[in-house]
N, C-alpha and C. Protein backbone atom coordinates (compact mmCIF):
# COMPACT_ATOMS: atom_id res chain seq x y z
N UNK A 1 121.60 163.89 38.17
CA UNK A 1 121.46 163.52 39.58
C UNK A 1 119.99 163.51 39.99
N UNK A 2 119.23 164.51 39.55
CA UNK A 2 117.83 164.55 39.94
C UNK A 2 117.08 163.36 39.38
N UNK A 3 117.41 162.95 38.15
CA UNK A 3 116.77 161.78 37.56
C UNK A 3 116.99 160.57 38.45
N UNK A 4 118.20 160.41 38.94
CA UNK A 4 118.52 159.28 39.80
C UNK A 4 117.65 159.30 41.05
N UNK A 5 117.45 160.47 41.65
CA UNK A 5 116.66 160.53 42.88
C UNK A 5 115.20 160.19 42.63
N UNK A 6 114.66 160.54 41.45
CA UNK A 6 113.27 160.17 41.14
C UNK A 6 113.14 158.65 41.06
N UNK A 7 114.12 158.00 40.42
CA UNK A 7 114.08 156.54 40.32
C UNK A 7 114.25 155.91 41.70
N UNK A 8 115.13 156.47 42.51
CA UNK A 8 115.31 155.95 43.87
C UNK A 8 114.03 156.09 44.68
N UNK A 9 113.37 157.25 44.56
CA UNK A 9 112.14 157.48 45.32
C UNK A 9 111.04 156.55 44.83
N UNK A 10 110.94 156.36 43.53
CA UNK A 10 109.94 155.44 42.98
C UNK A 10 110.18 154.03 43.51
N UNK A 11 111.43 153.61 43.53
CA UNK A 11 111.76 152.27 44.04
C UNK A 11 111.40 152.15 45.51
N UNK A 12 111.62 153.21 46.27
CA UNK A 12 111.29 153.18 47.70
C UNK A 12 109.78 153.09 47.89
N UNK A 13 109.01 153.84 47.12
CA UNK A 13 107.54 153.74 47.22
C UNK A 13 107.08 152.33 46.90
N UNK A 14 107.66 151.73 45.86
CA UNK A 14 107.26 150.37 45.49
C UNK A 14 107.66 149.37 46.57
N UNK A 15 108.82 149.55 47.18
CA UNK A 15 109.26 148.66 48.26
C UNK A 15 108.28 148.74 49.42
N UNK A 16 107.87 149.97 49.79
CA UNK A 16 106.92 150.15 50.88
C UNK A 16 105.56 149.54 50.54
N UNK A 17 105.13 149.72 49.30
CA UNK A 17 103.85 149.14 48.88
C UNK A 17 103.88 147.62 49.01
N UNK A 18 104.97 147.00 48.59
CA UNK A 18 105.08 145.55 48.68
C UNK A 18 105.13 145.10 50.14
N UNK A 19 105.82 145.86 50.97
CA UNK A 19 105.89 145.53 52.39
C UNK A 19 104.49 145.55 53.01
N UNK A 20 103.69 146.53 52.63
CA UNK A 20 102.32 146.62 53.14
C UNK A 20 101.49 145.45 52.64
N UNK A 21 101.64 145.10 51.37
CA UNK A 21 100.88 143.96 50.85
C UNK A 21 101.23 142.67 51.58
N UNK A 22 102.50 142.51 51.94
CA UNK A 22 102.91 141.34 52.71
C UNK A 22 102.23 141.34 54.07
N UNK A 23 102.16 142.51 54.71
CA UNK A 23 101.49 142.62 56.01
C UNK A 23 100.01 142.29 55.88
N UNK A 24 99.38 142.75 54.79
CA UNK A 24 97.95 142.54 54.57
C UNK A 24 97.62 141.05 54.54
N UNK A 25 98.48 140.26 53.94
CA UNK A 25 98.22 138.83 53.84
C UNK A 25 98.13 138.18 55.22
N UNK A 26 98.74 138.80 56.23
CA UNK A 26 98.76 138.24 57.58
C UNK A 26 97.60 138.74 58.43
N UNK A 27 96.89 139.76 57.94
CA UNK A 27 95.79 140.33 58.72
C UNK A 27 94.48 139.62 58.41
N UNK A 28 93.62 139.57 59.40
CA UNK A 28 92.31 138.97 59.17
C UNK A 28 91.21 140.01 59.31
N UNK A 29 91.52 141.19 59.77
CA UNK A 29 90.50 142.21 59.95
C UNK A 29 90.31 142.95 58.62
N UNK A 30 89.13 142.84 58.07
CA UNK A 30 88.86 143.40 56.74
C UNK A 30 89.12 144.90 56.65
N UNK A 31 88.72 145.65 57.66
CA UNK A 31 88.90 147.11 57.61
C UNK A 31 90.38 147.48 57.54
N UNK A 32 91.18 146.84 58.37
CA UNK A 32 92.62 147.12 58.38
C UNK A 32 93.24 146.73 57.04
N UNK A 33 92.80 145.61 56.50
CA UNK A 33 93.31 145.17 55.20
C UNK A 33 92.99 146.20 54.13
N UNK A 34 91.76 146.70 54.13
CA UNK A 34 91.35 147.71 53.15
C UNK A 34 92.17 148.98 53.25
N UNK A 35 92.40 149.43 54.47
CA UNK A 35 93.19 150.65 54.67
C UNK A 35 94.63 150.45 54.18
N UNK A 36 95.20 149.31 54.48
CA UNK A 36 96.57 149.05 54.05
C UNK A 36 96.66 148.92 52.54
N UNK A 37 95.67 148.29 51.92
CA UNK A 37 95.68 148.18 50.46
C UNK A 37 95.56 149.56 49.81
N UNK A 38 94.74 150.44 50.39
CA UNK A 38 94.64 151.81 49.87
C UNK A 38 95.98 152.52 49.98
N UNK A 39 96.67 152.32 51.09
CA UNK A 39 97.99 152.93 51.26
C UNK A 39 98.97 152.40 50.24
N UNK A 40 98.94 151.11 50.00
CA UNK A 40 99.83 150.52 49.00
C UNK A 40 99.54 151.09 47.61
N UNK A 41 98.27 151.25 47.27
CA UNK A 41 97.90 151.82 45.97
C UNK A 41 98.37 153.27 45.87
N UNK A 42 98.26 154.02 46.95
CA UNK A 42 98.72 155.41 46.97
C UNK A 42 100.23 155.47 46.73
N UNK A 43 100.96 154.56 47.35
CA UNK A 43 102.41 154.51 47.15
C UNK A 43 102.76 154.16 45.71
N UNK A 44 101.99 153.27 45.09
CA UNK A 44 102.22 152.95 43.69
C UNK A 44 102.00 154.18 42.81
N UNK A 45 100.95 154.96 43.10
CA UNK A 45 100.70 156.17 42.32
C UNK A 45 101.84 157.17 42.50
N UNK A 46 102.36 157.29 43.71
CA UNK A 46 103.49 158.17 43.95
C UNK A 46 104.72 157.70 43.17
N UNK A 47 104.93 156.40 43.12
CA UNK A 47 106.06 155.85 42.36
C UNK A 47 105.91 156.20 40.89
N UNK A 48 104.71 156.05 40.35
CA UNK A 48 104.47 156.38 38.95
C UNK A 48 104.71 157.86 38.69
N UNK A 49 104.30 158.71 39.63
CA UNK A 49 104.51 160.15 39.49
C UNK A 49 106.01 160.48 39.46
N UNK A 50 106.78 159.83 40.31
CA UNK A 50 108.23 160.06 40.32
C UNK A 50 108.84 159.63 39.00
N UNK A 51 108.37 158.52 38.45
CA UNK A 51 108.89 158.05 37.17
C UNK A 51 108.53 159.02 36.04
N UNK A 52 107.31 159.57 36.09
CA UNK A 52 106.92 160.57 35.08
C UNK A 52 107.81 161.80 35.18
N UNK A 53 108.13 162.22 36.39
CA UNK A 53 109.02 163.38 36.58
C UNK A 53 110.39 163.09 35.98
N UNK A 54 110.88 161.89 36.21
CA UNK A 54 112.19 161.51 35.69
C UNK A 54 112.16 161.51 34.16
N UNK A 55 111.09 160.99 33.57
CA UNK A 55 110.97 160.98 32.11
C UNK A 55 110.86 162.39 31.56
N UNK A 56 110.12 163.27 32.25
CA UNK A 56 109.98 164.66 31.81
C UNK A 56 111.34 165.35 31.84
N UNK A 57 112.13 165.07 32.85
CA UNK A 57 113.46 165.66 32.94
C UNK A 57 114.34 165.17 31.81
N UNK A 58 114.17 163.93 31.40
CA UNK A 58 114.96 163.37 30.29
C UNK A 58 114.56 163.97 28.95
N UNK A 59 113.29 164.34 28.79
CA UNK A 59 112.82 164.83 27.50
C UNK A 59 113.05 166.32 27.32
N UNK A 60 113.38 167.02 28.39
CA UNK A 60 113.65 168.45 28.27
C UNK A 60 115.00 168.67 27.59
N UNK A 61 115.07 169.68 26.72
CA UNK A 61 116.37 169.97 26.11
C UNK A 61 117.37 170.41 27.18
N UNK A 62 118.59 170.00 27.00
CA UNK A 62 119.65 170.38 27.94
C UNK A 62 119.95 171.85 27.78
N UNK A 63 120.14 172.54 28.91
CA UNK A 63 120.52 173.96 28.87
C UNK A 63 121.94 174.08 28.35
N UNK A 64 122.12 175.00 27.44
CA UNK A 64 123.45 175.27 26.94
C UNK A 64 124.16 176.18 27.94
N UNK A 65 125.41 175.91 28.21
CA UNK A 65 126.15 176.78 29.14
C UNK A 65 126.23 178.18 28.57
N UNK A 66 126.07 179.15 29.46
CA UNK A 66 126.13 180.54 29.04
C UNK A 66 127.58 180.92 28.78
N UNK A 67 127.79 181.69 27.73
CA UNK A 67 129.16 182.07 27.35
C UNK A 67 129.65 183.25 28.14
């Protein structure tokens, strides 16, 4: 279940990043564009971090149930 939430969160960060990039194309003020692009890049890094967490959870050995 936790793996699923990391992938969901990564997808949400990427969706937000793309939404911001779409907004940037409509802006003409350079400063605002720069700030929005930085935010989009930050969201991409967060998405990558969530994916790394999901991969780390997959590579950990499964706990054996206690007898």
